[in-house]
Amino acid sequence: MTTSVPAKTEERVLDEPSFPVVYVTDLLKAFVKAVRAHQLYLPNNPMHARSLEAVKESFAALWQHTDELDLAVIETRLEWEGRVVLDEGERTSDNIAWLL
């Protein structure tokens, strides 16, 4: 007796994002760096101030394209419009997605 195996379906094809994904990834990278800088440095340290400024600039760039940002939190990664925009891999106290 033989059984038929269904043909492999193609990966889910995503629509074009509403704006370039680089704005979201840049924001999240800056945010992660700012969180780590907040943990490591005192508020009067230049690294602390620079990281906060980078987050402000990233948010300003993003808000020029949208009024809101919907992120899906999935274990150790963040997704936006079906795309992985932050994946830190491990379940650690440094992983923003895992903390959320």
Protein backbone atom coordinates (compact mmCIF):
# COMPACT_ATOMS: atom_id res chain seq x y z
CA MET A 1 0.00 0.00 0.00
CA THR A 2 1.35 3.42 -0.89
CA THR A 3 0.49 6.75 0.60
CA SER A 4 0.79 10.03 -1.11
CA VAL A 5 2.72 12.82 0.48
CA PRO A 6 1.27 16.26 -0.05
CA ALA A 7 3.43 18.61 -2.04
CA LYS A 8 5.42 21.01 0.05
CA THR A 9 3.70 24.36 0.16
CA GLU A 10 5.73 27.48 -0.36
CA GLU A 11 6.72 29.63 2.56
CA ARG A 12 4.23 32.31 3.45
CA VAL A 13 4.78 35.25 1.13
CA LEU A 14 4.66 38.55 2.97
CA ASP A 15 3.23 41.72 1.55
CA GLU A 16 5.49 44.70 1.19
CA PRO A 17 5.85 46.45 4.55
CA SER A 18 4.06 49.75 5.01
CA PHE A 19 7.48 51.44 5.32
CA PRO A 20 11.10 50.19 5.22
CA VAL A 21 11.87 47.63 7.92
CA VAL A 22 15.22 49.28 8.60
CA TYR A 23 13.48 51.97 10.68
CA VAL A 24 12.12 49.32 13.04
CA THR A 25 15.35 47.31 13.26
CA ASP A 26 17.41 50.45 13.88
CA LEU A 27 15.03 51.54 16.62
CA LEU A 28 15.14 48.17 18.36
CA LYS A 29 18.93 47.96 18.16
CA ALA A 30 19.20 51.45 19.66
CA PHE A 31 16.66 50.53 22.33
CA VAL A 32 18.57 47.38 23.33
CA LYS A 33 21.82 49.36 23.53
CA ALA A 34 20.13 52.03 25.65
CA VAL A 35 18.76 49.43 28.07
CA ARG A 36 22.21 47.93 28.46
CA ALA A 37 23.81 51.36 28.86
CA HIS A 38 21.23 52.18 31.53
CA GLN A 39 22.24 49.03 33.39
CA LEU A 40 25.99 49.62 33.06
CA TYR A 41 26.50 53.37 33.38
CA LEU A 42 25.48 56.16 35.69
CA PRO A 43 23.20 58.85 34.22
CA ASN A 44 26.09 61.34 34.06
CA ASN A 45 28.16 59.02 31.83
CA PRO A 46 28.46 60.07 28.16
CA MET A 47 27.65 56.51 26.97
CA HIS A 48 24.35 56.65 28.84
CA ALA A 49 23.45 60.02 27.27
CA ARG A 50 24.50 58.95 23.76
CA SER A 51 22.43 55.79 23.90
CA LEU A 52 19.33 57.72 24.95
CA GLU A 53 19.91 60.24 22.17
CA ALA A 54 20.19 57.41 19.63
CA VAL A 55 16.82 56.03 20.78
CA LYS A 56 15.22 59.48 20.48
CA GLU A 57 16.59 59.88 16.95
CA SER A 58 15.39 56.40 15.96
CA PHE A 59 11.91 57.08 17.30
CA ALA A 60 11.82 60.43 15.47
CA ALA A 61 12.74 58.72 12.19
CA LEU A 62 10.12 56.02 12.73
CA TRP A 63 7.33 58.46 13.64
CA GLN A 64 7.80 60.19 10.29
CA HIS A 65 6.42 57.00 8.69
CA THR A 66 3.79 55.80 11.16
CA ASP A 67 1.79 56.71 14.25
CA GLU A 68 2.05 53.30 15.88
CA LEU A 69 4.25 50.23 15.96
CA ASP A 70 2.69 46.82 16.58
CA LEU A 71 5.28 44.23 17.60
CA ALA A 72 4.62 40.56 18.24
CA VAL A 73 6.63 39.09 21.11
CA ILE A 74 7.56 35.47 20.40
CA GLU A 75 9.85 33.89 23.03
CA THR A 76 13.23 35.36 22.12
CA ARG A 77 12.35 37.52 19.14
CA LEU A 78 10.20 40.46 18.10
CA GLU A 79 8.26 40.48 14.84
CA TRP A 80 6.71 43.34 12.89
CA GLU A 81 4.28 42.66 10.05
CA GLY A 82 5.41 39.00 10.02
CA ARG A 83 9.11 39.84 9.80
CA VAL A 84 11.67 39.18 12.51
CA VAL A 85 13.05 42.57 13.53
CA LEU A 86 14.95 41.51 16.65
CA ASP A 87 16.23 38.04 17.43
CA GLU A 88 18.64 37.67 20.32
CA GLY A 89 18.51 33.88 20.39
CA GLU A 90 18.81 32.91 24.03
CA ARG A 91 16.48 33.20 27.00
CA THR A 92 18.61 35.47 29.15
CA SER A 93 18.00 38.50 31.30
CA ASP A 94 19.53 40.60 28.48
CA ASN A 95 16.99 39.47 25.89
CA ILE A 96 14.32 42.18 25.60
CA ALA A 97 11.77 39.86 23.96
CA TRP A 98 12.24 37.24 26.66
CA LEU A 99 11.81 39.87 29.38
CA LEU A 100 8.58 41.06 27.78
